[in-house]
Amino acid sequence: MAGVAAADTRWDDAAQLCAAREALLTRISAELAPLDPAGYRRLLESIDGALGAEAVTAARWAADQMPLAALVTTARDQAQA
């Protein structure tokens, strides 16, 4: 979903989705490697390039503060956008 958002130049949405993914996996103590690790790294680099490190850090911080249900809702809502 984040890749689709990035391809559509919806950089804030892409950053939120990546941050939500990371926060959710951390919160449930799970590891889930991306299907294409190199592609995921490129996606993160593209988001960072588009928004800047400060915005990416802010998205991660916001995701870390969200309740678990809100993380799931964020992902669902972005998928429907």
PDB file of N, CA and C in Angstrom:
ATOM      1  N   MET A   1       0.815  -1.188   0.000  1.00  0.00           N
ATOM      2  CA  MET A   1       0.000   0.000   0.000  1.00  0.00           C
ATOM      3  C   MET A   1       0.863   1.259   0.000  1.00  0.00           C
ATOM      4  N   ALA A   2       1.950   1.227   0.751  1.00  0.00           N
ATOM      5  CA  ALA A   2       2.825   2.400   0.794  1.00  0.00           C
ATOM      6  C   ALA A   2       3.453   2.647  -0.568  1.00  0.00           C
ATOM      7  N   GLY A   3       3.790   1.583  -1.267  1.00  0.00           N
ATOM      8  CA  GLY A   3       4.365   1.721  -2.595  1.00  0.00           C
ATOM      9  C   GLY A   3       3.380   2.341  -3.571  1.00  0.00           C
ATOM     10  N   VAL A   4       2.123   1.980  -3.454  1.00  0.00           N
ATOM     11  CA  VAL A   4       1.088   2.559  -4.309  1.00  0.00           C
ATOM     12  C   VAL A   4       0.934   4.040  -4.000  1.00  0.00           C
ATOM     13  N   ALA A   5       0.914   4.378  -2.718  1.00  0.00           N
ATOM     14  CA  ALA A   5       0.801   5.786  -2.322  1.00  0.00           C
ATOM     15  C   ALA A   5       1.991   6.583  -2.842  1.00  0.00           C
ATOM     16  N   ALA A   6       3.177   6.010  -2.751  1.00  0.00           N
ATOM     17  CA  ALA A   6       4.367   6.705  -3.238  1.00  0.00           C
ATOM     18  C   ALA A   6       4.326   6.868  -4.756  1.00  0.00           C
ATOM     19  N   ALA A   7       3.884   5.842  -5.446  1.00  0.00           N
ATOM     20  CA  ALA A   7       3.794   5.923  -6.905  1.00  0.00           C
ATOM     21  C   ALA A   7       2.817   7.013  -7.340  1.00  0.00           C
ATOM     22  N   ASP A   8       1.848   7.289  -6.480  1.00  0.00           N
ATOM     23  CA  ASP A   8       0.850   8.331  -6.745  1.00  0.00           C
ATOM     24  C   ASP A   8       1.287   9.669  -6.140  1.00  0.00           C
ATOM     25  N   THR A   9       2.544   9.739  -5.709  1.00  0.00           N
ATOM     26  CA  THR A   9       3.158  10.900  -5.046  1.00  0.00           C
ATOM     27  C   THR A   9       2.380  11.369  -3.818  1.00  0.00           C
ATOM     28  N   ARG A  10       1.754  10.436  -3.143  1.00  0.00           N
ATOM     29  CA  ARG A  10       1.101  10.717  -1.860  1.00  0.00           C
ATOM     30  C   ARG A  10       2.116  10.351  -0.772  1.00  0.00           C
ATOM     31  N   TRP A  11       3.151  11.192  -0.672  1.00  0.00           N
ATOM     32  CA  TRP A  11       4.300  10.884   0.181  1.00  0.00           C
ATOM     33  C   TRP A  11       3.931  10.811   1.651  1.00  0.00           C
ATOM     34  N   ASP A  12       3.048  11.696   2.127  1.00  0.00           N
ATOM     35  CA  ASP A  12       2.656  11.650   3.541  1.00  0.00           C
ATOM     36  C   ASP A  12       1.958  10.332   3.855  1.00  0.00           C
ATOM     37  N   ASP A  13       1.074   9.896   2.960  1.00  0.00           N
ATOM     38  CA  ASP A  13       0.390   8.619   3.166  1.00  0.00           C
ATOM     39  C   ASP A  13       1.388   7.468   3.171  1.00  0.00           C
ATOM     40  N   ALA A  14       2.341   7.502   2.250  1.00  0.00           N
ATOM     41  CA  ALA A  14       3.355   6.446   2.183  1.00  0.00           C
ATOM     42  C   ALA A  14       4.167   6.397   3.476  1.00  0.00           C
ATOM     43  N   ALA A  15       4.546   7.562   3.973  1.00  0.00           N
ATOM     44  CA  ALA A  15       5.313   7.619   5.220  1.00  0.00           C
ATOM     45  C   ALA A  15       4.493   7.091   6.387  1.00  0.00           C
ATOM     46  N   GLN A  16       3.216   7.471   6.450  1.00  0.00           N
ATOM     47  CA  GLN A  16       2.349   6.990   7.531  1.00  0.00           C
ATOM     48  C   GLN A  16       2.206   5.472   7.484  1.00  0.00           C
ATOM     49  N   LEU A  17       2.039   4.925   6.284  1.00  0.00           N
ATOM     50  CA  LEU A  17       1.873   3.482   6.159  1.00  0.00           C
ATOM     51  C   LEU A  17       3.131   2.724   6.555  1.00  0.00           C
ATOM     52  N   CYS A  18       4.272   3.205   6.125  1.00  0.00           N
ATOM     53  CA  CYS A  18       5.528   2.546   6.518  1.00  0.00           C
ATOM     54  C   CYS A  18       5.735   2.637   8.025  1.00  0.00           C
ATOM     55  N   ALA A  19       5.465   3.799   8.581  1.00  0.00           N
ATOM     56  CA  ALA A  19       5.623   3.979  10.024  1.00  0.00           C
ATOM     57  C   ALA A  19       4.650   3.100  10.788  1.00  0.00           C
ATOM     58  N   ALA A  20       3.419   3.013  10.308  1.00  0.00           N
ATOM     59  CA  ALA A  20       2.418   2.167  10.969  1.00  0.00           C
ATOM     60  C   ALA A  20       2.831   0.703  10.901  1.00  0.00           C
ATOM     61  N   ARG A  21       3.353   0.274   9.759  1.00  0.00           N
ATOM     62  CA  ARG A  21       3.814  -1.112   9.620  1.00  0.00           C
ATOM     63  C   ARG A  21       4.900  -1.422  10.644  1.00  0.00           C
ATOM     64  N   GLU A  22       5.888  -0.541  10.713  1.00  0.00           N
ATOM     65  CA  GLU A  22       6.993  -0.762  11.637  1.00  0.00           C
ATOM     66  C   GLU A  22       6.526  -0.747  13.090  1.00  0.00           C
ATOM     67  N   ALA A  23       5.657   0.204  13.421  1.00  0.00           N
ATOM     68  CA  ALA A  23       5.160   0.303  14.798  1.00  0.00           C
ATOM     69  C   ALA A  23       4.324  -0.922  15.173  1.00  0.00           C
ATOM     70  N   LEU A  24       3.485  -1.367  14.249  1.00  0.00           N
ATOM     71  CA  LEU A  24       2.647  -2.529  14.516  1.00  0.00           C
ATOM     72  C   LEU A  24       3.498  -3.773  14.744  1.00  0.00           C
ATOM     73  N   LEU A  25       4.473  -4.001  13.881  1.00  0.00           N
ATOM     74  CA  LEU A  25       5.337  -5.175  14.043  1.00  0.00           C
ATOM     75  C   LEU A  25       6.121  -5.109  15.346  1.00  0.00           C
ATOM     76  N   THR A  26       6.600  -3.929  15.695  1.00  0.00           N
ATOM     77  CA  THR A  26       7.323  -3.776  16.953  1.00  0.00           C
ATOM     78  C   THR A  26       6.407  -4.063  18.131  1.00  0.00           C
ATOM     79  N   ARG A  27       5.207  -3.513  18.065  1.00  0.00           N
ATOM     80  CA  ARG A  27       4.282  -3.642  19.180  1.00  0.00           C
ATOM     81  C   ARG A  27       3.863  -5.081  19.433  1.00  0.00           C
ATOM     82  N   ILE A  28       3.726  -5.865  18.365  1.00  0.00           N
ATOM     83  CA  ILE A  28       3.318  -7.257  18.560  1.00  0.00           C
ATOM     84  C   ILE A  28       4.524  -8.205  18.579  1.00  0.00           C
ATOM     85  N   SER A  29       5.722  -7.627  18.644  1.00  0.00           N
ATOM     86  CA  SER A  29       6.971  -8.397  18.710  1.00  0.00           C
ATOM     87  C   SER A  29       7.071  -9.411  17.579  1.00  0.00           C
ATOM     88  N   ALA A  30       6.813  -8.938  16.370  1.00  0.00           N
ATOM     89  CA  ALA A  30       6.863  -9.821  15.209  1.00  0.00           C
ATOM     90  C   ALA A  30       7.864  -9.280  14.197  1.00  0.00           C
ATOM     91  N   GLU A  31       8.380 -10.192  13.423  1.00  0.00           N
ATOM     92  CA  GLU A  31       9.243  -9.813  12.310  1.00  0.00           C
ATOM     93  C   GLU A  31       8.560 -10.283  11.041  1.00  0.00           C
ATOM     94  N   LEU A  32       8.492  -9.403  10.080  1.00  0.00           N
ATOM     95  CA  LEU A  32       7.912  -9.740   8.788  1.00  0.00           C
ATOM     96  C   LEU A  32       8.722  -9.001   7.741  1.00  0.00           C
ATOM     97  N   ALA A  33       9.586  -9.750   7.092  1.00  0.00           N
ATOM     98  CA  ALA A  33      10.435  -9.131   6.072  1.00  0.00           C
ATOM     99  C   ALA A  33       9.573  -8.707   4.891  1.00  0.00           C
ATOM    100  N   PRO A  34       9.884  -7.569   4.307  1.00  0.00           N
ATOM    101  CA  PRO A  34       9.162  -7.175   3.099  1.00  0.00           C
ATOM    102  C   PRO A  34       9.354  -8.223   2.004  1.00  0.00           C
ATOM    103  N   LEU A  35       8.391  -8.350   1.125  1.00  0.00           N
ATOM    104  CA  LEU A  35       8.483  -9.299   0.024  1.00  0.00           C
ATOM    105  C   LEU A  35       9.703  -8.996  -0.841  1.00  0.00           C
ATOM    106  N   ASP A  36       9.979  -7.721  -1.013  1.00  0.00           N
ATOM    107  CA  ASP A  36      11.132  -7.267  -1.803  1.00  0.00           C
ATOM    108  C   ASP A  36      11.944  -6.314  -0.928  1.00  0.00           C
ATOM    109  N   PRO A  37      12.878  -6.842  -0.124  1.00  0.00           N
ATOM    110  CA  PRO A  37      13.625  -5.977   0.797  1.00  0.00           C
ATOM    111  C   PRO A  37      14.334  -4.812   0.115  1.00  0.00           C
ATOM    112  N   ALA A  38      14.946  -5.053  -1.029  1.00  0.00           N
ATOM    113  CA  ALA A  38      15.635  -3.958  -1.734  1.00  0.00           C
ATOM    114  C   ALA A  38      14.628  -2.907  -2.202  1.00  0.00           C
ATOM    115  N   GLY A  39      13.479  -3.355  -2.661  1.00  0.00           N
ATOM    116  CA  GLY A  39      12.435  -2.423  -3.086  1.00  0.00           C
ATOM    117  C   GLY A  39      11.899  -1.615  -1.924  1.00  0.00           C
ATOM    118  N   TYR A  40      11.767  -2.252  -0.766  1.00  0.00           N
ATOM    119  CA  TYR A  40      11.281  -1.545   0.420  1.00  0.00           C
ATOM    120  C   TYR A  40      12.302  -0.494   0.852  1.00  0.00           C
ATOM    121  N   ARG A  41      13.578  -0.836   0.791  1.00  0.00           N
ATOM    122  CA  ARG A  41      14.622   0.148   1.122  1.00  0.00           C
ATOM    123  C   ARG A  41      14.570   1.333   0.161  1.00  0.00           C
ATOM    124  N   ARG A  42      14.364   1.054  -1.127  1.00  0.00           N
ATOM    125  CA  ARG A  42      14.244   2.143  -2.103  1.00  0.00           C
ATOM    126  C   ARG A  42      13.017   3.000  -1.817  1.00  0.00           C
ATOM    127  N   LEU A  43      11.925   2.357  -1.424  1.00  0.00           N
ATOM    128  CA  LEU A  43      10.711   3.094  -1.071  1.00  0.00           C
ATOM    129  C   LEU A  43      10.985   4.038   0.096  1.00  0.00           C
ATOM    130  N   LEU A  44      11.637   3.516   1.135  1.00  0.00           N
ATOM    131  CA  LEU A  44      11.949   4.356   2.291  1.00  0.00           C
ATOM    132  C   LEU A  44      12.868   5.507   1.909  1.00  0.00           C
ATOM    133  N   GLU A  45      13.835   5.239   1.037  1.00  0.00           N
ATOM    134  CA  GLU A  45      14.734   6.295   0.576  1.00  0.00           C
ATOM    135  C   GLU A  45      13.977   7.346  -0.244  1.00  0.00           C
ATOM    136  N   SER A  46      13.028   6.907  -1.054  1.00  0.00           N
ATOM    137  CA  SER A  46      12.225   7.841  -1.852  1.00  0.00           C
ATOM    138  C   SER A  46      11.360   8.721  -0.966  1.00  0.00           C
ATOM    139  N   ILE A  47      10.764   8.113   0.052  1.00  0.00           N
ATOM    140  CA  ILE A  47       9.935   8.877   0.987  1.00  0.00           C
ATOM    141  C   ILE A  47      10.796   9.904   1.709  1.00  0.00           C
ATOM    142  N   ASP A  48      11.956   9.467   2.162  1.00  0.00           N
ATOM    143  CA  ASP A  48      12.876  10.369   2.848  1.00  0.00           C
ATOM    144  C   ASP A  48      13.302  11.513   1.930  1.00  0.00           C
ATOM    145  N   GLY A  49      13.561  11.195   0.678  1.00  0.00           N
ATOM    146  CA  GLY A  49      13.956  12.222  -0.275  1.00  0.00           C
ATOM    147  C   GLY A  49      12.833  13.213  -0.566  1.00  0.00           C
ATOM    148  N   ALA A  50      11.609  12.721  -0.600  1.00  0.00           N
ATOM    149  CA  ALA A  50      10.466  13.584  -0.907  1.00  0.00           C
ATOM    150  C   ALA A  50      10.064  14.457   0.279  1.00  0.00           C
ATOM    151  N   LEU A  51      10.108  13.883   1.463  1.00  0.00           N
ATOM    152  CA  LEU A  51       9.605  14.597   2.647  1.00  0.00           C
ATOM    153  C   LEU A  51      10.701  15.164   3.538  1.00  0.00           C
ATOM    154  N   GLY A  52      11.861  14.536   3.521  1.00  0.00           N
ATOM    155  CA  GLY A  52      12.926  14.917   4.429  1.00  0.00           C
ATOM    156  C   GLY A  52      12.909  14.057   5.678  1.00  0.00           C
ATOM    157  N   ALA A  53      14.074  13.947   6.274  1.00  0.00           N
ATOM    158  CA  ALA A  53      14.240  13.075   7.442  1.00  0.00           C
ATOM    159  C   ALA A  53      13.367  13.507   8.613  1.00  0.00           C
ATOM    160  N   GLU A  54      13.182  14.806   8.782  1.00  0.00           N
ATOM    161  CA  GLU A  54      12.390  15.294   9.912  1.00  0.00           C
ATOM    162  C   GLU A  54      10.932  14.837   9.810  1.00  0.00           C
ATOM    163  N   ALA A  55      10.349  14.887   8.617  1.00  0.00           N
ATOM    164  CA  ALA A  55       8.960  14.453   8.431  1.00  0.00           C
ATOM    165  C   ALA A  55       8.824  12.949   8.616  1.00  0.00           C
ATOM    166  N   VAL A  56       9.815  12.199   8.155  1.00  0.00           N
ATOM    167  CA  VAL A  56       9.785  10.746   8.321  1.00  0.00           C
ATOM    168  C   VAL A  56       9.889  10.390   9.804  1.00  0.00           C
ATOM    169  N   THR A  57      10.760  11.069  10.511  1.00  0.00           N
ATOM    170  CA  THR A  57      10.890  10.843  11.956  1.00  0.00           C
ATOM    171  C   THR A  57       9.590  11.191  12.668  1.00  0.00           C
ATOM    172  N   ALA A  58       8.943  12.258  12.259  1.00  0.00           N
ATOM    173  CA  ALA A  58       7.661  12.654  12.864  1.00  0.00           C
ATOM    174  C   ALA A  58       6.592  11.602  12.604  1.00  0.00           C
ATOM    175  N   ALA A  59       6.571  11.033  11.407  1.00  0.00           N
ATOM    176  CA  ALA A  59       5.593   9.977  11.097  1.00  0.00           C
ATOM    177  C   ALA A  59       5.837   8.751  11.964  1.00  0.00           C
ATOM    178  N   ARG A  60       7.106   8.408  12.152  1.00  0.00           N
ATOM    179  CA  ARG A  60       7.425   7.257  13.013  1.00  0.00           C
ATOM    180  C   ARG A  60       7.033   7.528  14.458  1.00  0.00           C
ATOM    181  N   TRP A  61       7.318   8.734  14.920  1.00  0.00           N
ATOM    182  CA  TRP A  61       6.956   9.083  16.300  1.00  0.00           C
ATOM    183  C   TRP A  61       5.443   9.006  16.476  1.00  0.00           C
ATOM    184  N   ALA A  62       4.689   9.554  15.527  1.00  0.00           N
ATOM    185  CA  ALA A  62       3.228   9.535  15.613  1.00  0.00           C
ATOM    186  C   ALA A  62       2.705   8.104  15.630  1.00  0.00           C
ATOM    187  N   ALA A  63       3.269   7.255  14.793  1.00  0.00           N
ATOM    188  CA  ALA A  63       2.833   5.856  14.765  1.00  0.00           C
ATOM    189  C   ALA A  63       3.151   5.156  16.079  1.00  0.00           C
ATOM    190  N   ASP A  64       4.296   5.463  16.659  1.00  0.00           N
ATOM    191  CA  ASP A  64       4.664   4.861  17.943  1.00  0.00           C
ATOM    192  C   ASP A  64       3.700   5.252  19.054  1.00  0.00           C
ATOM    193  N   GLN A  65       3.066   6.416  18.926  1.00  0.00           N
ATOM    194  CA  GLN A  65       2.155   6.904  19.963  1.00  0.00           C
ATOM    195  C   GLN A  65       0.722   6.389  19.779  1.00  0.00           C
ATOM    196  N   MET A  66       0.402   5.883  18.591  1.00  0.00           N
ATOM    197  CA  MET A  66      -0.966   5.439  18.300  1.00  0.00           C
ATOM    198  C   MET A  66      -1.310   4.151  19.022  1.00  0.00           C
ATOM    199  N   PRO A  67      -2.542   4.048  19.493  1.00  0.00           N
ATOM    200  CA  PRO A  67      -3.005   2.757  20.007  1.00  0.00           C
ATOM    201  C   PRO A  67      -3.022   1.728  18.864  1.00  0.00           C
ATOM    202  N   LEU A  68      -2.945   0.478  19.209  1.00  0.00           N
ATOM    203  CA  LEU A  68      -2.902  -0.594  18.222  1.00  0.00           C
ATOM    204  C   LEU A  68      -4.079  -0.509  17.249  1.00  0.00           C
ATOM    205  N   ALA A  69      -5.265  -0.287  17.757  1.00  0.00           N
ATOM    206  CA  ALA A  69      -6.453  -0.204  16.891  1.00  0.00           C
ATOM    207  C   ALA A  69      -6.322   0.936  15.889  1.00  0.00           C
ATOM    208  N   ALA A  70      -5.731   2.035  16.304  1.00  0.00           N
ATOM    209  CA  ALA A  70      -5.566   3.178  15.403  1.00  0.00           C
ATOM    210  C   ALA A  70      -4.574   2.859  14.290  1.00  0.00           C
ATOM    211  N   LEU A  71      -3.545   2.075  14.597  1.00  0.00           N
ATOM    212  CA  LEU A  71      -2.601   1.666  13.555  1.00  0.00           C
ATOM    213  C   LEU A  71      -3.303   0.842  12.487  1.00  0.00           C
ATOM    214  N   VAL A  72      -4.134  -0.080  12.917  1.00  0.00           N
ATOM    215  CA  VAL A  72      -4.861  -0.917  11.972  1.00  0.00           C
ATOM    216  C   VAL A  72      -5.838  -0.076  11.158  1.00  0.00           C
ATOM    217  N   THR A  73      -6.514   0.848  11.815  1.00  0.00           N
ATOM    218  CA  THR A  73      -7.458   1.730  11.127  1.00  0.00           C
ATOM    219  C   THR A  73      -6.745   2.596  10.103  1.00  0.00           C
ATOM    220  N   THR A  74      -5.577   3.107  10.450  1.00  0.00           N
ATOM    221  CA  THR A  74      -4.799   3.933   9.513  1.00  0.00           C
ATOM    222  C   THR A  74      -4.475   3.137   8.256  1.00  0.00           C
ATOM    223  N   ALA A  75      -4.004   1.922   8.430  1.00  0.00           N
ATOM    224  CA  ALA A  75      -3.674   1.080   7.272  1.00  0.00           C
ATOM    225  C   ALA A  75      -4.914   0.796   6.441  1.00  0.00           C
ATOM    226  N   ARG A  76      -6.007   0.483   7.097  1.00  0.00           N
ATOM    227  CA  ARG A  76      -7.249   0.176   6.372  1.00  0.00           C
ATOM    228  C   ARG A  76      -7.736   1.388   5.595  1.00  0.00           C
ATOM    229  N   ASP A  77      -7.739   2.541   6.241  1.00  0.00           N
ATOM    230  CA  ASP A  77      -8.222   3.759   5.588  1.00  0.00           C
ATOM    231  C   ASP A  77      -7.360   4.135   4.391  1.00  0.00           C
ATOM    232  N   GLN A  78      -6.043   3.975   4.518  1.00  0.00           N
ATOM    233  CA  GLN A  78      -5.148   4.302   3.410  1.00  0.00           C
ATOM    234  C   GLN A  78      -5.352   3.321   2.257  1.00  0.00           C
ATOM    235  N   ALA A  79      -5.668   2.083   2.568  1.00  0.00           N
ATOM    236  CA  ALA A  79      -5.895   1.083   1.514  1.00  0.00           C
ATOM    237  C   ALA A  79      -7.153   1.417   0.731  1.00  0.00           C
ATOM    238  N   GLN A  80      -8.123   2.031   1.372  1.00  0.00           N
ATOM    239  CA  GLN A  80      -9.375   2.371   0.711  1.00  0.00           C
ATOM    240  C   GLN A  80      -9.306   3.698  -0.025  1.00  0.00           C
ATOM    241  N   ALA A  81      -8.242   4.480   0.223  1.00  0.00           N
ATOM    242  CA  ALA A  81      -8.130   5.814  -0.417  1.00  0.00           C
ATOM    243  C   ALA A  81      -7.767   5.705  -1.872  1.00  0.00           C
TER     244      ALA A  81
END
